[in-house]
Amino acid sequence: MTQFLLSVHGVDGEVREEPTAEQMHRSQQLLGEVEKELKATGAWLFSARLSDPGAARVVRESGGEVLTTDGPFAEGREHLGGFYLIEAGDLDAALGWAARVTAAITVPIEVRPLAGFEA
C-alpha cells in the first residue's frame, strides 16, 4: 500500500455561486459518506481542514537568523484549505477517492504520493 496526500485547494476571491441550503446539506452528506467509507476500508489515515491563509506564519532561516513572517508561504491567490492522508493500493485507487471528494465539495483535489511510503 502507498500513502497519498489528497490536498483540497481554494482560490481567494474566486467568485462562486453561493450554494443553497439543500446543496450544502447534500455536499456534507456526500462527504460524510466518502469519509465513512475511507475509514471502513482502512484507507483513511488522517484528515483536517485548515484555518484561513491569513492565520499562517512562515518560519525560515536566513543568514544565520530565524525569521517569522505573517501569511502563507505562497504569496498567491491559491491556498491549501485542507487535506486527507490516505493509504491506497495504487495511484488509480487514490485518484478514485479524490474523484469522490471533489464531487462532494466541488473544489480541486491534488493527489500526491508520500515519498518513502510506496508499496
PDB file of N, CA and C in Angstrom:
ATOM      1  N   MET A   1       0.848  -1.181   0.000  1.00  0.00           N
ATOM      2  CA  MET A   1       0.000   0.000   0.000  1.00  0.00           C
ATOM      3  C   MET A   1       0.893   1.243   0.000  1.00  0.00           C
ATOM      4  N   THR A   2       0.428   2.256  -0.691  1.00  0.00           N
ATOM      5  CA  THR A   2       1.125   3.532  -0.773  1.00  0.00           C
ATOM      6  C   THR A   2       0.300   4.585  -0.063  1.00  0.00           C
ATOM      7  N   GLN A   3       0.969   5.501   0.601  1.00  0.00           N
ATOM      8  CA  GLN A   3       0.271   6.608   1.246  1.00  0.00           C
ATOM      9  C   GLN A   3       0.233   7.796   0.293  1.00  0.00           C
ATOM     10  N   PHE A   4      -0.921   8.477   0.280  1.00  0.00           N
ATOM     11  CA  PHE A   4      -1.131   9.618  -0.603  1.00  0.00           C
ATOM     12  C   PHE A   4      -1.691  10.791   0.182  1.00  0.00           C
ATOM     13  N   LEU A   5      -1.316  11.990  -0.250  1.00  0.00           N
ATOM     14  CA  LEU A   5      -1.907  13.214   0.260  1.00  0.00           C
ATOM     15  C   LEU A   5      -2.926  13.685  -0.768  1.00  0.00           C
ATOM     16  N   LEU A   6      -4.172  13.826  -0.330  1.00  0.00           N
ATOM     17  CA  LEU A   6      -5.208  14.420  -1.174  1.00  0.00           C
ATOM     18  C   LEU A   6      -5.393  15.829  -0.633  1.00  0.00           C
ATOM     19  N   SER A   7      -4.879  16.827  -1.327  1.00  0.00           N
ATOM     20  CA  SER A   7      -4.951  18.193  -0.822  1.00  0.00           C
ATOM     21  C   SER A   7      -6.092  18.949  -1.483  1.00  0.00           C
ATOM     22  N   VAL A   8      -6.823  19.670  -0.649  1.00  0.00           N
ATOM     23  CA  VAL A   8      -8.006  20.416  -1.062  1.00  0.00           C
ATOM     24  C   VAL A   8      -7.582  21.862  -1.260  1.00  0.00           C
ATOM     25  N   HIS A   9      -7.814  22.400  -2.450  1.00  0.00           N
ATOM     26  CA  HIS A   9      -7.350  23.747  -2.773  1.00  0.00           C
ATOM     27  C   HIS A   9      -8.508  24.712  -2.995  1.00  0.00           C
ATOM     28  N   GLY A  10      -8.260  25.956  -2.635  1.00  0.00           N
ATOM     29  CA  GLY A  10      -9.226  27.021  -2.858  1.00  0.00           C
ATOM     30  C   GLY A  10      -8.527  28.238  -3.427  1.00  0.00           C
ATOM     31  N   VAL A  11      -9.306  29.161  -3.961  1.00  0.00           N
ATOM     32  CA  VAL A  11      -8.763  30.372  -4.567  1.00  0.00           C
ATOM     33  C   VAL A  11      -9.386  31.577  -3.885  1.00  0.00           C
ATOM     34  N   ASP A  12      -8.534  32.430  -3.290  1.00  0.00           N
ATOM     35  CA  ASP A  12      -9.024  33.661  -2.658  1.00  0.00           C
ATOM     36  C   ASP A  12      -9.748  34.519  -3.680  1.00  0.00           C
ATOM     37  N   GLY A  13     -10.888  35.023  -3.307  1.00  0.00           N
ATOM     38  CA  GLY A  13     -11.625  35.944  -4.161  1.00  0.00           C
ATOM     39  C   GLY A  13     -12.322  35.292  -5.334  1.00  0.00           C
ATOM     40  N   GLU A  14     -12.250  33.967  -5.440  1.00  0.00           N
ATOM     41  CA  GLU A  14     -12.909  33.271  -6.536  1.00  0.00           C
ATOM     42  C   GLU A  14     -14.419  33.454  -6.391  1.00  0.00           C
ATOM     43  N   VAL A  15     -15.038  33.912  -7.446  1.00  0.00           N
ATOM     44  CA  VAL A  15     -16.479  34.131  -7.417  1.00  0.00           C
ATOM     45  C   VAL A  15     -17.161  32.810  -7.762  1.00  0.00           C
ATOM     46  N   ARG A  16     -17.837  32.278  -6.770  1.00  0.00           N
ATOM     47  CA  ARG A  16     -18.584  31.040  -6.957  1.00  0.00           C
ATOM     48  C   ARG A  16     -20.016  31.307  -6.559  1.00  0.00           C
ATOM     49  N   GLU A  17     -20.906  30.664  -7.232  1.00  0.00           N
ATOM     50  CA  GLU A  17     -22.311  30.804  -6.886  1.00  0.00           C
ATOM     51  C   GLU A  17     -22.533  30.255  -5.481  1.00  0.00           C
ATOM     52  N   GLU A  18     -23.193  31.036  -4.639  1.00  0.00           N
ATOM     53  CA  GLU A  18     -23.476  30.621  -3.262  1.00  0.00           C
ATOM     54  C   GLU A  18     -24.387  29.390  -3.283  1.00  0.00           C
ATOM     55  N   PRO A  19     -23.963  28.315  -2.621  1.00  0.00           N
ATOM     56  CA  PRO A  19     -24.805  27.116  -2.627  1.00  0.00           C
ATOM     57  C   PRO A  19     -26.068  27.335  -1.797  1.00  0.00           C
ATOM     58  N   THR A  20     -27.119  26.674  -2.207  1.00  0.00           N
ATOM     59  CA  THR A  20     -28.355  26.718  -1.436  1.00  0.00           C
ATOM     60  C   THR A  20     -28.178  25.842  -0.198  1.00  0.00           C
ATOM     61  N   ALA A  21     -29.073  25.974   0.750  1.00  0.00           N
ATOM     62  CA  ALA A  21     -29.021  25.140   1.951  1.00  0.00           C
ATOM     63  C   ALA A  21     -29.118  23.665   1.573  1.00  0.00           C
ATOM     64  N   GLU A  22     -29.946  23.369   0.585  1.00  0.00           N
ATOM     65  CA  GLU A  22     -30.096  21.989   0.126  1.00  0.00           C
ATOM     66  C   GLU A  22     -28.795  21.474  -0.487  1.00  0.00           C
ATOM     67  N   GLN A  23     -28.131  22.315  -1.291  1.00  0.00           N
ATOM     68  CA  GLN A  23     -26.860  21.913  -1.900  1.00  0.00           C
ATOM     69  C   GLN A  23     -25.781  21.697  -0.837  1.00  0.00           C
ATOM     70  N   MET A  24     -25.733  22.562   0.158  1.00  0.00           N
ATOM     71  CA  MET A  24     -24.763  22.414   1.250  1.00  0.00           C
ATOM     72  C   MET A  24     -25.018  21.114   2.014  1.00  0.00           C
ATOM     73  N   HIS A  25     -26.292  20.848   2.300  1.00  0.00           N
ATOM     74  CA  HIS A  25     -26.651  19.615   3.013  1.00  0.00           C
ATOM     75  C   HIS A  25     -26.222  18.398   2.198  1.00  0.00           C
ATOM     76  N   ARG A  26     -26.488  18.423   0.909  1.00  0.00           N
ATOM     77  CA  ARG A  26     -26.130  17.300   0.037  1.00  0.00           C
ATOM     78  C   ARG A  26     -24.613  17.123  -0.021  1.00  0.00           C
ATOM     79  N   SER A  27     -23.873  18.227  -0.108  1.00  0.00           N
ATOM     80  CA  SER A  27     -22.414  18.172  -0.138  1.00  0.00           C
ATOM     81  C   SER A  27     -21.872  17.560   1.148  1.00  0.00           C
ATOM     82  N   GLN A  28     -22.401  17.995   2.283  1.00  0.00           N
ATOM     83  CA  GLN A  28     -21.957  17.456   3.568  1.00  0.00           C
ATOM     84  C   GLN A  28     -22.304  15.979   3.693  1.00  0.00           C
ATOM     85  N   GLN A  29     -23.465  15.605   3.173  1.00  0.00           N
ATOM     86  CA  GLN A  29     -23.885  14.207   3.208  1.00  0.00           C
ATOM     87  C   GLN A  29     -22.939  13.344   2.361  1.00  0.00           C
ATOM     88  N   LEU A  30     -22.634  13.805   1.138  1.00  0.00           N
ATOM     89  CA  LEU A  30     -21.737  13.056   0.256  1.00  0.00           C
ATOM     90  C   LEU A  30     -20.349  12.930   0.862  1.00  0.00           C
ATOM     91  N   LEU A  31     -19.840  14.025   1.408  1.00  0.00           N
ATOM     92  CA  LEU A  31     -18.513  13.990   2.020  1.00  0.00           C
ATOM     93  C   LEU A  31     -18.504  13.053   3.220  1.00  0.00           C
ATOM     94  N   GLY A  32     -19.558  13.082   4.003  1.00  0.00           N
ATOM     95  CA  GLY A  32     -19.664  12.163   5.138  1.00  0.00           C
ATOM     96  C   GLY A  32     -19.633  10.713   4.695  1.00  0.00           C
ATOM     97  N   GLU A  33     -20.309  10.415   3.577  1.00  0.00           N
ATOM     98  CA  GLU A  33     -20.317   9.048   3.053  1.00  0.00           C
ATOM     99  C   GLU A  33     -18.925   8.626   2.594  1.00  0.00           C
ATOM    100  N   VAL A  34     -18.220   9.535   1.910  1.00  0.00           N
ATOM    101  CA  VAL A  34     -16.858   9.227   1.452  1.00  0.00           C
ATOM    102  C   VAL A  34     -15.961   8.966   2.656  1.00  0.00           C
ATOM    103  N   GLU A  35     -16.034   9.840   3.664  1.00  0.00           N
ATOM    104  CA  GLU A  35     -15.185   9.680   4.842  1.00  0.00           C
ATOM    105  C   GLU A  35     -15.515   8.393   5.598  1.00  0.00           C
ATOM    106  N   LYS A  36     -16.774   8.057   5.687  1.00  0.00           N
ATOM    107  CA  LYS A  36     -17.186   6.812   6.353  1.00  0.00           C
ATOM    108  C   LYS A  36     -16.606   5.608   5.618  1.00  0.00           C
ATOM    109  N   GLU A  37     -16.663   5.626   4.284  1.00  0.00           N
ATOM    110  CA  GLU A  37     -16.134   4.514   3.503  1.00  0.00           C
ATOM    111  C   GLU A  37     -14.610   4.457   3.564  1.00  0.00           C
ATOM    112  N   LEU A  38     -13.949   5.630   3.545  1.00  0.00           N
ATOM    113  CA  LEU A  38     -12.491   5.660   3.704  1.00  0.00           C
ATOM    114  C   LEU A  38     -12.090   4.955   4.996  1.00  0.00           C
ATOM    115  N   LYS A  39     -12.803   5.256   6.075  1.00  0.00           N
ATOM    116  CA  LYS A  39     -12.497   4.657   7.379  1.00  0.00           C
ATOM    117  C   LYS A  39     -12.834   3.169   7.388  1.00  0.00           C
ATOM    118  N   ALA A  40     -13.984   2.802   6.813  1.00  0.00           N
ATOM    119  CA  ALA A  40     -14.420   1.401   6.812  1.00  0.00           C
ATOM    120  C   ALA A  40     -13.465   0.502   6.028  1.00  0.00           C
ATOM    121  N   THR A  41     -12.863   1.031   4.964  1.00  0.00           N
ATOM    122  CA  THR A  41     -11.955   0.235   4.138  1.00  0.00           C
ATOM    123  C   THR A  41     -10.523   0.267   4.640  1.00  0.00           C
ATOM    124  N   GLY A  42     -10.253   1.092   5.649  1.00  0.00           N
ATOM    125  CA  GLY A  42      -8.898   1.208   6.174  1.00  0.00           C
ATOM    126  C   GLY A  42      -8.018   2.152   5.380  1.00  0.00           C
ATOM    127  N   ALA A  43      -8.589   2.858   4.418  1.00  0.00           N
ATOM    128  CA  ALA A  43      -7.807   3.783   3.597  1.00  0.00           C
ATOM    129  C   ALA A  43      -7.535   5.100   4.318  1.00  0.00           C
ATOM    130  N   TRP A  44      -8.423   5.496   5.227  1.00  0.00           N
ATOM    131  CA  TRP A  44      -8.302   6.781   5.913  1.00  0.00           C
ATOM    132  C   TRP A  44      -7.217   6.695   6.978  1.00  0.00           C
ATOM    133  N   LEU A  45      -6.275   7.637   6.932  1.00  0.00           N
ATOM    134  CA  LEU A  45      -5.255   7.732   7.966  1.00  0.00           C
ATOM    135  C   LEU A  45      -5.464   8.977   8.821  1.00  0.00           C
ATOM    136  N   PHE A  46      -5.788  10.122   8.176  1.00  0.00           N
ATOM    137  CA  PHE A  46      -5.966  11.382   8.891  1.00  0.00           C
ATOM    138  C   PHE A  46      -6.519  12.404   7.905  1.00  0.00           C
ATOM    139  N   SER A  47      -7.273  13.366   8.414  1.00  0.00           N
ATOM    140  CA  SER A  47      -7.711  14.490   7.585  1.00  0.00           C
ATOM    141  C   SER A  47      -7.887  15.714   8.467  1.00  0.00           C
ATOM    142  N   ALA A  48      -7.832  16.883   7.853  1.00  0.00           N
ATOM    143  CA  ALA A  48      -8.016  18.125   8.607  1.00  0.00           C
ATOM    144  C   ALA A  48      -8.385  19.253   7.658  1.00  0.00           C
ATOM    145  N   ARG A  49      -9.166  20.173   8.185  1.00  0.00           N
ATOM    146  CA  ARG A  49      -9.481  21.421   7.484  1.00  0.00           C
ATOM    147  C   ARG A  49      -8.587  22.487   8.108  1.00  0.00           C
ATOM    148  N   LEU A  50      -7.990  23.337   7.277  1.00  0.00           N
ATOM    149  CA  LEU A  50      -7.098  24.370   7.769  1.00  0.00           C
ATOM    150  C   LEU A  50      -7.838  25.690   7.957  1.00  0.00           C
ATOM    151  N   SER A  51      -7.339  26.512   8.872  1.00  0.00           N
ATOM    152  CA  SER A  51      -7.912  27.846   9.044  1.00  0.00           C
ATOM    153  C   SER A  51      -7.543  28.702   7.829  1.00  0.00           C
ATOM    154  N   ASP A  52      -8.079  29.906   7.774  1.00  0.00           N
ATOM    155  CA  ASP A  52      -7.828  30.792   6.629  1.00  0.00           C
ATOM    156  C   ASP A  52      -6.336  31.061   6.450  1.00  0.00           C
ATOM    157  N   PRO A  53      -5.885  31.289   5.213  1.00  0.00           N
ATOM    158  CA  PRO A  53      -4.468  31.526   4.944  1.00  0.00           C
ATOM    159  C   PRO A  53      -3.877  32.688   5.749  1.00  0.00           C
ATOM    160  N   GLY A  54      -4.678  33.669   6.093  1.00  0.00           N
ATOM    161  CA  GLY A  54      -4.182  34.807   6.860  1.00  0.00           C
ATOM    162  C   GLY A  54      -3.697  34.436   8.247  1.00  0.00           C
ATOM    163  N   ALA A  55      -4.091  33.268   8.745  1.00  0.00           N
ATOM    164  CA  ALA A  55      -3.658  32.818  10.066  1.00  0.00           C
ATOM    165  C   ALA A  55      -2.286  32.153  10.019  1.00  0.00           C
ATOM    166  N   ALA A  56      -1.760  31.932   8.825  1.00  0.00           N
ATOM    167  CA  ALA A  56      -0.480  31.233   8.671  1.00  0.00           C
ATOM    168  C   ALA A  56       0.700  32.126   9.063  1.00  0.00           C
ATOM    169  N   ARG A  57       1.755  31.490   9.512  1.00  0.00           N
ATOM    170  CA  ARG A  57       3.039  32.129   9.765  1.00  0.00           C
ATOM    171  C   ARG A  57       4.099  31.265   9.098  1.00  0.00           C
ATOM    172  N   VAL A  58       5.141  31.916   8.581  1.00  0.00           N
ATOM    173  CA  VAL A  58       6.234  31.196   7.940  1.00  0.00           C
ATOM    174  C   VAL A  58       7.501  31.442   8.751  1.00  0.00           C
ATOM    175  N   VAL A  59       8.160  30.363   9.133  1.00  0.00           N
ATOM    176  CA  VAL A  59       9.405  30.444   9.877  1.00  0.00           C
ATOM    177  C   VAL A  59      10.507  29.952   8.955  1.00  0.00           C
ATOM    178  N   ARG A  60      11.556  30.744   8.802  1.00  0.00           N
ATOM    179  CA  ARG A  60      12.658  30.362   7.916  1.00  0.00           C
ATOM    180  C   ARG A  60      13.983  30.856   8.478  1.00  0.00           C
ATOM    181  N   GLU A  61      15.034  30.192   8.052  1.00  0.00           N
ATOM    182  CA  GLU A  61      16.383  30.589   8.425  1.00  0.00           C
ATOM    183  C   GLU A  61      16.949  31.417   7.277  1.00  0.00           C
ATOM    184  N   SER A  62      17.588  32.523   7.637  1.00  0.00           N
ATOM    185  CA  SER A  62      18.196  33.384   6.629  1.00  0.00           C
ATOM    186  C   SER A  62      19.424  34.060   7.230  1.00  0.00           C
ATOM    187  N   GLY A  63      20.578  33.750   6.690  1.00  0.00           N
ATOM    188  CA  GLY A  63      21.817  34.367   7.157  1.00  0.00           C
ATOM    189  C   GLY A  63      22.106  34.113   8.626  1.00  0.00           C
ATOM    190  N   GLY A  64      21.788  32.931   9.116  1.00  0.00           N
ATOM    191  CA  GLY A  64      22.044  32.592  10.496  1.00  0.00           C
ATOM    192  C   GLY A  64      20.971  33.075  11.463  1.00  0.00           C
ATOM    193  N   GLU A  65      19.953  33.749  10.963  1.00  0.00           N
ATOM    194  CA  GLU A  65      18.850  34.218  11.810  1.00  0.00           C
ATOM    195  C   GLU A  65      17.577  33.470  11.457  1.00  0.00           C
ATOM    196  N   VAL A  66      16.710  33.340  12.445  1.00  0.00           N
ATOM    197  CA  VAL A  66      15.404  32.750  12.212  1.00  0.00           C
ATOM    198  C   VAL A  66      14.408  33.894  12.093  1.00  0.00           C
ATOM    199  N   LEU A  67      13.718  33.938  10.969  1.00  0.00           N
ATOM    200  CA  LEU A  67      12.741  34.988  10.699  1.00  0.00           C
ATOM    201  C   LEU A  67      11.343  34.399  10.673  1.00  0.00           C
ATOM    202  N   THR A  68      10.380  35.124  11.215  1.00  0.00           N
ATOM    203  CA  THR A  68       8.975  34.724  11.168  1.00  0.00           C
ATOM    204  C   THR A  68       8.195  35.822  10.470  1.00  0.00           C
ATOM    205  N   THR A  69       7.432  35.435   9.458  1.00  0.00           N
ATOM    206  CA  THR A  69       6.615  36.402   8.728  1.00  0.00           C
ATOM    207  C   THR A  69       5.157  35.974   8.756  1.00  0.00           C
ATOM    208  N   ASP A  70       4.268  36.952   8.623  1.00  0.00           N
ATOM    209  CA  ASP A  70       2.834  36.693   8.588  1.00  0.00           C
ATOM    210  C   ASP A  70       2.415  36.210   7.211  1.00  0.00           C
ATOM    211  N   GLY A  71       1.382  35.412   7.197  1.00  0.00           N
ATOM    212  CA  GLY A  71       0.782  34.984   5.943  1.00  0.00           C
ATOM    213  C   GLY A  71       1.313  33.646   5.469  1.00  0.00           C
ATOM    214  N   PRO A  72       0.684  33.101   4.444  1.00  0.00           N
ATOM    215  CA  PRO A  72       1.102  31.799   3.916  1.00  0.00           C
ATOM    216  C   PRO A  72       2.436  31.895   3.191  1.00  0.00           C
ATOM    217  N   PHE A  73       3.088  30.747   3.032  1.00  0.00           N
ATOM    218  CA  PHE A  73       4.364  30.679   2.335  1.00  0.00           C
ATOM    219  C   PHE A  73       4.226  31.166   0.898  1.00  0.00           C
ATOM    220  N   ALA A  74       3.222  30.661   0.210  1.00  0.00           N
ATOM    221  CA  ALA A  74       2.998  31.065  -1.182  1.00  0.00           C
ATOM    222  C   ALA A  74       2.178  32.349  -1.204  1.00  0.00           C
ATOM    223  N   GLU A  75       2.733  33.369  -1.797  1.00  0.00           N
ATOM    224  CA  GLU A  75       2.027  34.644  -1.872  1.00  0.00           C
ATOM    225  C   GLU A  75       1.209  34.682  -3.161  1.00  0.00           C
ATOM    226  N   GLY A  76       0.171  33.919  -3.174  1.00  0.00           N
ATOM    227  CA  GLY A  76      -0.693  33.844  -4.341  1.00  0.00           C
ATOM    228  C   GLY A  76      -2.137  33.760  -3.906  1.00  0.00           C
ATOM    229  N   ARG A  77      -3.002  33.599  -4.869  1.00  0.00           N
ATOM    230  CA  ARG A  77      -4.427  33.515  -4.571  1.00  0.00           C
ATOM    231  C   ARG A  77      -4.850  32.095  -4.228  1.00  0.00           C
ATOM    232  N   GLU A  78      -4.079  31.110  -4.643  1.00  0.00           N
ATOM    233  CA  GLU A  78      -4.455  29.721  -4.398  1.00  0.00           C
ATOM    234  C   GLU A  78      -3.807  29.238  -3.103  1.00  0.00           C
ATOM    235  N   HIS A  79      -4.614  28.562  -2.278  1.00  0.00           N
ATOM    236  CA  HIS A  79      -4.128  28.112  -0.984  1.00  0.00           C
ATOM    237  C   HIS A  79      -4.671  26.736  -0.649  1.00  0.00           C
ATOM    238  N   LEU A  80      -3.897  26.042   0.167  1.00  0.00           N
ATOM    239  CA  LEU A  80      -4.320  24.753   0.694  1.00  0.00           C
ATOM    240  C   LEU A  80      -5.391  24.996   1.751  1.00  0.00           C
ATOM    241  N   GLY A  81      -6.521  24.330   1.604  1.00  0.00           N
ATOM    242  CA  GLY A  81      -7.622  24.524   2.536  1.00  0.00           C
ATOM    243  C   GLY A  81      -7.816  23.362   3.497  1.00  0.00           C
ATOM    244  N   GLY A  82      -7.259  22.212   3.145  1.00  0.00           N
ATOM    245  CA  GLY A  82      -7.385  21.027   3.975  1.00  0.00           C
ATOM    246  C   GLY A  82      -6.763  19.846   3.256  1.00  0.00           C
ATOM    247  N   PHE A  83      -6.823  18.689   3.888  1.00  0.00           N
ATOM    248  CA  PHE A  83      -6.187  17.530   3.268  1.00  0.00           C
ATOM    249  C   PHE A  83      -6.712  16.237   3.861  1.00  0.00           C
ATOM    250  N   TYR A  84      -6.481  15.179   3.119  1.00  0.00           N
ATOM    251  CA  TYR A  84      -6.694  13.808   3.575  1.00  0.00           C
ATOM    252  C   TYR A  84      -5.373  13.085   3.398  1.00  0.00           C
ATOM    253  N   LEU A  85      -5.005  12.293   4.363  1.00  0.00           N
ATOM    254  CA  LEU A  85      -3.878  11.390   4.240  1.00  0.00           C
ATOM    255  C   LEU A  85      -4.487  10.003   4.173  1.00  0.00           C
ATOM    256  N   ILE A  86      -4.270   9.332   3.041  1.00  0.00           N
ATOM    257  CA  ILE A  86      -4.900   8.026   2.832  1.00  0.00           C
ATOM    258  C   ILE A  86      -3.855   6.993   2.449  1.00  0.00           C
ATOM    259  N   GLU A  87      -4.284   5.744   2.487  1.00  0.00           N
ATOM    260  CA  GLU A  87      -3.473   4.635   2.018  1.00  0.00           C
ATOM    261  C   GLU A  87      -4.269   3.949   0.917  1.00  0.00           C
ATOM    262  N   ALA A  88      -3.614   3.724  -0.214  1.00  0.00           N
ATOM    263  CA  ALA A  88      -4.300   3.103  -1.350  1.00  0.00           C
ATOM    264  C   ALA A  88      -3.354   2.134  -2.044  1.00  0.00           C
ATOM    265  N   GLY A  89      -3.936   1.173  -2.724  1.00  0.00           N
ATOM    266  CA  GLY A  89      -3.145   0.158  -3.421  1.00  0.00           C
ATOM    267  C   GLY A  89      -2.303   0.716  -4.547  1.00  0.00           C
ATOM    268  N   ASP A  90      -2.796   1.765  -5.198  1.00  0.00           N
ATOM    269  CA  ASP A  90      -2.059   2.371  -6.303  1.00  0.00           C
ATOM    270  C   ASP A  90      -2.631   3.760  -6.600  1.00  0.00           C
ATOM    271  N   LEU A  91      -2.019   4.426  -7.553  1.00  0.00           N
ATOM    272  CA  LEU A  91      -2.438   5.785  -7.902  1.00  0.00           C
ATOM    273  C   LEU A  91      -3.886   5.822  -8.383  1.00  0.00           C
ATOM    274  N   ASP A  92      -4.293   4.837  -9.160  1.00  0.00           N
ATOM    275  CA  ASP A  92      -5.673   4.826  -9.650  1.00  0.00           C
ATOM    276  C   ASP A  92      -6.678   4.781  -8.504  1.00  0.00           C
ATOM    277  N   ALA A  93      -6.382   4.010  -7.474  1.00  0.00           N
ATOM    278  CA  ALA A  93      -7.273   3.943  -6.310  1.00  0.00           C
ATOM    279  C   ALA A  93      -7.314   5.292  -5.597  1.00  0.00           C
ATOM    280  N   ALA A  94      -6.164   5.948  -5.452  1.00  0.00           N
ATOM    281  CA  ALA A  94      -6.113   7.263  -4.817  1.00  0.00           C
ATOM    282  C   ALA A  94      -6.883   8.292  -5.642  1.00  0.00           C
ATOM    283  N   LEU A  95      -6.752   8.214  -6.956  1.00  0.00           N
ATOM    284  CA  LEU A  95      -7.497   9.123  -7.842  1.00  0.00           C
ATOM    285  C   LEU A  95      -8.999   8.888  -7.718  1.00  0.00           C
ATOM    286  N   GLY A  96      -9.398   7.642  -7.509  1.00  0.00           N
ATOM    287  CA  GLY A  96     -10.813   7.337  -7.313  1.00  0.00           C
ATOM    288  C   GLY A  96     -11.366   7.993  -6.059  1.00  0.00           C
ATOM    289  N   TRP A  97     -10.582   7.948  -4.963  1.00  0.00           N
ATOM    290  CA  TRP A  97     -11.009   8.635  -3.735  1.00  0.00           C
ATOM    291  C   TRP A  97     -11.075  10.143  -3.969  1.00  0.00           C
ATOM    292  N   ALA A  98     -10.083  10.696  -4.642  1.00  0.00           N
ATOM    293  CA  ALA A  98     -10.063  12.135  -4.917  1.00  0.00           C
ATOM    294  C   ALA A  98     -11.265  12.546  -5.764  1.00  0.00           C
ATOM    295  N   ALA A  99     -11.654  11.699  -6.711  1.00  0.00           N
ATOM    296  CA  ALA A  99     -12.818  11.995  -7.556  1.00  0.00           C
ATOM    297  C   ALA A  99     -14.079  12.082  -6.710  1.00  0.00           C
ATOM    298  N   ARG A 100     -14.186  11.225  -5.726  1.00  0.00           N
ATOM    299  CA  ARG A 100     -15.371  11.255  -4.852  1.00  0.00           C
ATOM    300  C   ARG A 100     -15.371  12.491  -3.961  1.00  0.00           C
ATOM    301  N   VAL A 101     -14.194  12.894  -3.472  1.00  0.00           N
ATOM    302  CA  VAL A 101     -14.118  14.098  -2.638  1.00  0.00           C
ATOM    303  C   VAL A 101     -14.467  15.335  -3.463  1.00  0.00           C
ATOM    304  N   THR A 102     -13.886  15.468  -4.650  1.00  0.00           N
ATOM    305  CA  THR A 102     -14.155  16.650  -5.467  1.00  0.00           C
ATOM    306  C   THR A 102     -15.618  16.691  -5.915  1.00  0.00           C
ATOM    307  N   ALA A 103     -16.224  15.545  -6.124  1.00  0.00           N
ATOM    308  CA  ALA A 103     -17.645  15.514  -6.484  1.00  0.00           C
ATOM    309  C   ALA A 103     -18.501  16.018  -5.326  1.00  0.00           C
ATOM    310  N   ALA A 104     -18.055  15.757  -4.102  1.00  0.00           N
ATOM    311  CA  ALA A 104     -18.818  16.172  -2.925  1.00  0.00           C
ATOM    312  C   ALA A 104     -18.663  17.656  -2.622  1.00  0.00           C
ATOM    313  N   ILE A 105     -17.444  18.184  -2.784  1.00  0.00           N
ATOM    314  CA  ILE A 105     -17.207  19.573  -2.363  1.00  0.00           C
ATOM    315  C   ILE A 105     -16.921  20.536  -3.506  1.00  0.00           C
ATOM    316  N   THR A 106     -16.821  20.045  -4.710  1.00  0.00           N
ATOM    317  CA  THR A 106     -16.654  20.836  -5.949  1.00  0.00           C
ATOM    318  C   THR A 106     -15.481  21.815  -5.926  1.00  0.00           C
ATOM    319  N   VAL A 107     -14.364  21.399  -5.333  1.00  0.00           N
ATOM    320  CA  VAL A 107     -13.115  22.152  -5.428  1.00  0.00           C
ATOM    321  C   VAL A 107     -12.019  21.179  -5.855  1.00  0.00           C
ATOM    322  N   PRO A 108     -10.932  21.704  -6.443  1.00  0.00           N
ATOM    323  CA  PRO A 108      -9.867  20.826  -6.930  1.00  0.00           C
ATOM    324  C   PRO A 108      -9.177  20.050  -5.811  1.00  0.00           C
ATOM    325  N   ILE A 109      -8.796  18.827  -6.136  1.00  0.00           N
ATOM    326  CA  ILE A 109      -8.070  17.953  -5.213  1.00  0.00           C
ATOM    327  C   ILE A 109      -6.774  17.534  -5.901  1.00  0.00           C
ATOM    328  N   GLU A 110      -5.648  17.820  -5.270  1.00  0.00           N
ATOM    329  CA  GLU A 110      -4.357  17.368  -5.790  1.00  0.00           C
ATOM    330  C   GLU A 110      -4.017  16.050  -5.116  1.00  0.00           C
ATOM    331  N   VAL A 111      -3.534  15.089  -5.892  1.00  0.00           N
ATOM    332  CA  VAL A 111      -3.158  13.774  -5.372  1.00  0.00           C
ATOM    333  C   VAL A 111      -1.657  13.627  -5.528  1.00  0.00           C
ATOM    334  N   ARG A 112      -0.992  13.323  -4.405  1.00  0.00           N
ATOM    335  CA  ARG A 112       0.459  13.183  -4.458  1.00  0.00           C
ATOM    336  C   ARG A 112       0.906  12.067  -3.511  1.00  0.00           C
ATOM    337  N   PRO A 113       1.716  11.117  -4.023  1.00  0.00           N
ATOM    338  CA  PRO A 113       2.200  10.060  -3.132  1.00  0.00           C
ATOM    339  C   PRO A 113       3.226  10.633  -2.152  1.00  0.00           C
ATOM    340  N   LEU A 114       3.263  10.073  -0.949  1.00  0.00           N
ATOM    341  CA  LEU A 114       4.277  10.445   0.027  1.00  0.00           C
ATOM    342  C   LEU A 114       5.569   9.729  -0.322  1.00  0.00           C
ATOM    343  N   ALA A 115       6.662  10.442  -0.351  1.00  0.00           N
ATOM    344  CA  ALA A 115       7.958   9.863  -0.660  1.00  0.00           C
ATOM    345  C   ALA A 115       8.359   8.905   0.453  1.00  0.00           C
ATOM    346  N   GLY A 116       8.864   7.732   0.061  1.00  0.00           N
ATOM    347  CA  GLY A 116       9.328   6.767   1.035  1.00  0.00           C
ATOM    348  C   GLY A 116       8.233   5.874   1.588  1.00  0.00           C
ATOM    349  N   PHE A 117       6.989   6.041   1.117  1.00  0.00           N
ATOM    350  CA  PHE A 117       5.874   5.226   1.604  1.00  0.00           C
ATOM    351  C   PHE A 117       5.240   4.443   0.452  1.00  0.00           C
ATOM    352  N   GLU A 118       5.996   4.212  -0.592  1.00  0.00           N
ATOM    353  CA  GLU A 118       5.474   3.481  -1.744  1.00  0.00           C
ATOM    354  C   GLU A 118       5.297   2.024  -1.394  1.00  0.00           C
ATOM    355  N   ALA A 119       4.413   1.369  -2.146  1.00  0.00           N
ATOM    356  CA  ALA A 119       4.156  -0.060  -1.921  1.00  0.00           C
ATOM    357  C   ALA A 119       5.394  -0.866  -2.217  1.00  0.00           C
TER     358      ALA A 119
END
